[in-house]
Protein backbone atom coordinates (compact mmCIF):
# COMPACT_ATOMS: atom_id res chain seq x y z
CA MET A 1 2.50 17.05 -13.50
CA TYR A 2 2.15 14.42 -10.77
CA ILE A 3 5.51 12.91 -9.73
CA LEU A 4 6.21 10.17 -7.20
CA PHE A 5 9.47 9.83 -5.33
CA GLU A 6 9.64 6.16 -4.38
CA GLY A 7 12.03 4.02 -2.40
CA ILE A 8 12.51 2.40 0.96
CA ASP A 9 13.33 4.31 4.14
CA THR A 10 16.67 6.13 4.36
CA CYS A 11 17.25 6.14 0.58
CA GLY A 12 17.28 9.96 0.36
CA LYS A 13 13.85 10.78 -1.11
CA SER A 14 13.00 13.40 1.50
CA THR A 15 16.38 15.13 1.14
CA GLN A 16 15.93 15.45 -2.61
CA ILE A 17 12.34 16.65 -2.32
CA GLU A 18 13.49 19.31 0.15
CA LEU A 19 16.19 20.48 -2.28
CA LEU A 20 13.64 20.76 -5.10
CA ALA A 21 11.20 22.66 -2.86
CA GLN A 22 13.94 25.17 -2.00
CA LYS A 23 14.84 25.64 -5.66
CA PHE A 24 11.35 25.63 -7.20
CA LYS A 25 8.96 27.56 -4.94
CA ASP A 26 5.85 26.82 -7.03
CA ILE A 27 5.83 23.03 -6.66
CA VAL A 28 3.36 21.32 -4.34
CA VAL A 29 5.06 18.88 -1.95
CA THR A 30 3.09 16.15 -0.24
CA LYS A 31 3.49 12.61 1.11
CA GLU A 32 1.71 9.30 1.53
CA PRO A 33 0.58 8.54 4.10
CA GLY A 34 0.31 11.86 5.89
CA GLY A 35 -0.51 14.43 3.20
CA THR A 36 -4.02 15.05 4.54
CA ALA A 37 -5.64 15.27 7.98
CA PHE A 38 -6.86 11.69 7.55
CA GLY A 39 -3.40 10.68 6.30
CA VAL A 40 -1.77 11.95 9.49
CA LYS A 41 -3.97 9.64 11.54
CA ALA A 42 -3.49 6.74 9.12
CA ARG A 43 0.29 7.25 9.17
CA GLU A 44 0.34 7.03 12.97
CA ILE A 45 -1.49 3.69 12.87
CA LEU A 46 0.54 2.31 9.99
CA LEU A 47 3.97 3.23 11.36
CA SER A 48 3.12 1.75 14.75
CA ASP A 49 2.72 -1.62 12.95
CA SER A 50 -0.19 -2.33 15.29
CA LEU A 51 -2.57 -3.98 12.82
CA SER A 52 -2.60 -7.76 12.92
CA SER A 53 -4.34 -8.02 9.53
CA LYS A 54 -2.27 -7.28 6.42
CA ARG A 55 -5.58 -6.75 4.59
CA ALA A 56 -6.53 -4.03 7.08
CA GLU A 57 -3.09 -2.45 6.57
CA LEU A 58 -3.56 -2.51 2.79
CA LEU A 59 -7.05 -1.03 3.00
CA LEU A 60 -5.86 1.76 5.30
CA PHE A 61 -3.11 2.64 2.79
CA LEU A 62 -5.71 2.62 -0.01
CA ALA A 63 -8.12 4.81 1.97
CA ASP A 64 -5.31 7.29 2.56
CA ARG A 65 -4.39 7.19 -1.15
CA ALA A 66 -7.99 7.91 -2.21
CA GLU A 67 -8.30 10.82 0.23
CA HIS A 68 -4.88 12.13 -0.81
CA TYR A 69 -5.88 12.07 -4.47
CA GLU A 70 -9.13 13.97 -3.81
CA GLU A 71 -7.62 16.55 -1.43
CA VAL A 72 -4.14 17.14 -2.88
CA ILE A 73 -3.49 15.67 -6.33
CA LYS A 74 -6.75 16.43 -8.15
CA PRO A 75 -7.08 20.09 -7.00
CA ASN A 76 -3.46 20.77 -8.05
CA LYS A 77 -3.51 19.04 -11.46
CA GLU A 78 -2.34 22.24 -13.19
CA LYS A 79 0.73 22.43 -10.93
CA THR A 80 3.76 20.22 -10.35
CA VAL A 81 2.95 17.91 -7.44
CA ILE A 82 5.76 15.90 -5.88
CA SER A 83 4.73 13.15 -3.50
CA ASP A 84 7.06 11.39 -1.10
CA ARG A 85 5.75 7.89 -1.78
CA GLY A 86 2.57 6.70 -3.42
CA PHE A 87 0.96 3.68 -5.01
CA LEU A 88 4.24 1.97 -6.03
CA SER A 89 5.36 1.77 -2.39
CA GLY A 90 1.93 0.46 -1.49
CA ILE A 91 2.25 -2.31 -4.05
CA GLY A 92 5.84 -3.08 -3.01
CA TYR A 93 4.98 -3.42 0.67
CA ALA A 94 1.85 -5.48 -0.05
CA LEU A 95 3.77 -7.87 -2.32
CA ALA A 96 6.58 -8.19 0.23
CA ASN A 97 3.96 -9.29 2.74
CA GLY A 98 3.29 -12.14 0.31
CA ASP A 99 -0.48 -12.30 0.59
CA PHE A 100 -1.59 -10.30 -2.44
CA ASP A 101 -1.81 -10.64 -6.21
CA PHE A 102 -0.24 -7.88 -8.33
CA ASP A 103 -3.23 -7.52 -10.66
CA VAL A 104 -5.61 -7.16 -7.71
CA LEU A 105 -3.32 -4.54 -6.15
CA LEU A 106 -3.14 -2.65 -9.43
CA THR A 107 -6.93 -2.63 -9.74
CA LEU A 108 -7.37 -1.42 -6.16
CA ASN A 109 -4.83 1.37 -6.66
CA LYS A 110 -6.45 2.48 -9.92
CA PHE A 111 -9.72 2.70 -8.02
CA ALA A 112 -8.15 4.70 -5.17
CA LEU A 113 -6.52 7.08 -7.65
CA SER A 114 -9.58 7.45 -9.91
CA ASN A 115 -7.50 5.90 -12.71
CA HIS A 116 -4.91 8.68 -12.47
CA PHE A 117 -1.43 7.24 -12.08
CA PRO A 118 1.54 9.63 -11.80
CA ASP A 119 3.15 11.13 -14.88
CA LYS A 120 6.65 10.27 -13.66
CA ILE A 121 8.25 8.17 -10.95
CA ILE A 122 11.72 8.54 -9.47
CA LEU A 123 12.79 5.29 -7.82
CA PHE A 124 15.67 5.39 -5.35
CA LEU A 125 17.58 2.10 -5.14
CA THR A 126 19.95 1.39 -2.28
CA ASN A 127 22.05 -1.56 -1.15
CA MET A 128 22.27 -3.51 2.10
CA GLU A 129 25.50 -1.81 3.21
CA THR A 130 24.08 1.71 2.86
CA LEU A 131 20.75 0.67 4.35
CA THR A 132 22.50 -0.87 7.36
CA GLN A 133 24.59 2.24 7.95
CA ARG A 134 21.70 4.70 7.56
CA THR A 135 19.20 2.77 9.70
CA SER A 136 21.77 2.46 12.48
CA GLU A 137 21.73 6.26 12.76
CA LYS A 138 18.01 6.61 13.50
CA GLU A 139 15.17 5.29 15.61
CA LEU A 140 13.28 2.69 13.60
CA ASP A 141 9.50 2.73 13.15
CA GLY A 142 7.32 -0.37 13.27
CA ILE A 143 7.66 -1.14 9.57
CA GLU A 144 11.45 -0.71 9.59
CA LEU A 145 11.61 -3.08 12.55
CA ARG A 146 10.43 -5.86 10.22
CA GLY A 147 14.09 -6.05 9.20
CA LEU A 148 16.52 -4.89 6.55
CA GLU A 149 15.98 -7.98 4.38
CA TYR A 150 12.27 -7.14 4.36
CA LEU A 151 13.03 -3.57 3.23
CA ILE A 152 15.32 -4.78 0.42
CA ASN A 153 12.58 -7.21 -0.63
CA VAL A 154 10.11 -4.28 -0.75
CA GLN A 155 12.58 -2.34 -2.90
CA ASN A 156 12.96 -5.29 -5.27
CA LYS A 157 9.18 -5.67 -5.59
CA MET A 158 8.81 -1.96 -6.41
CA HIS A 159 11.57 -2.16 -9.00
CA GLU A 160 10.18 -5.30 -10.67
CA ARG A 161 6.66 -3.89 -10.92
CA LEU A 162 7.68 -0.43 -12.07
CA GLN A 163 9.32 -1.92 -15.13
CA LYS A 164 5.94 -3.45 -16.11
CA LEU A 165 3.72 -0.41 -15.59
CA GLY A 166 4.52 1.71 -18.63
CA ILE A 167 5.03 4.87 -16.55
CA ASP A 168 7.97 7.15 -17.36
CA TYR A 169 10.57 6.65 -14.62
CA LEU A 170 14.12 7.38 -13.51
CA GLU A 171 16.20 5.04 -11.39
CA ILE A 172 18.48 6.71 -8.86
CA ASP A 173 21.50 5.09 -7.23
CA ALA A 174 20.81 6.16 -3.64
CA THR A 175 24.49 5.59 -2.75
CA ASP A 176 25.56 8.45 -5.05
CA SER A 177 26.27 11.94 -3.68
CA ILE A 178 23.38 14.24 -2.78
CA GLU A 179 24.50 16.79 -5.39
CA ASN A 180 24.85 14.24 -8.21
CA ILE A 181 21.42 12.83 -7.43
CA HIS A 182 19.94 16.34 -7.33
CA GLN A 183 21.38 17.20 -10.76
CA LYS A 184 20.06 13.97 -12.30
CA ILE A 185 16.58 14.66 -10.93
CA VAL A 186 16.51 18.30 -12.10
CA SER A 187 17.64 17.23 -15.58
CA TYR A 188 15.04 14.47 -15.71
CA LEU A 189 12.14 16.61 -14.52
CA GLU A 190 13.06 19.63 -16.67
CA LEU A 191 11.42 21.98 -14.14
């Protein structure tokens, strides 16, 4: 089973993935970008926000996604693979940049993933108050420096598009307690 944990920065995805990895030793944990050797290099470029072309940024994300699918997802198709981010984030960020059409993005992502979308998606939704508090406690990367309104817009784009994709999903209130969120996820995944 291929499962995406999606949401904007500081919403608690990584914390929940870590809890699952501690509880279920046989799951494969990965991330986009950064789940492959190429992804590590791509992540460095992307998080520095150094590309002036949003098309170049999109294509780098897609290249990472294709490599990630071939190196991590496909070889582990008989296992439970949990990815910290994936194509839904890619679509959300691209739409928030305002230069791309949803249908084109969907086609490009299908191509990158060899027509293999995840079996389940867990989408973490936060609010401006929690986002403000959590981002004030960390050093921001280049994408986060685009602003909190931008991040909320990305979240909204992910949420809107997820409802149209026909993929089984769970919405998580990222302002809830870590333990409550963990229990909801375990129940949903039935691991």
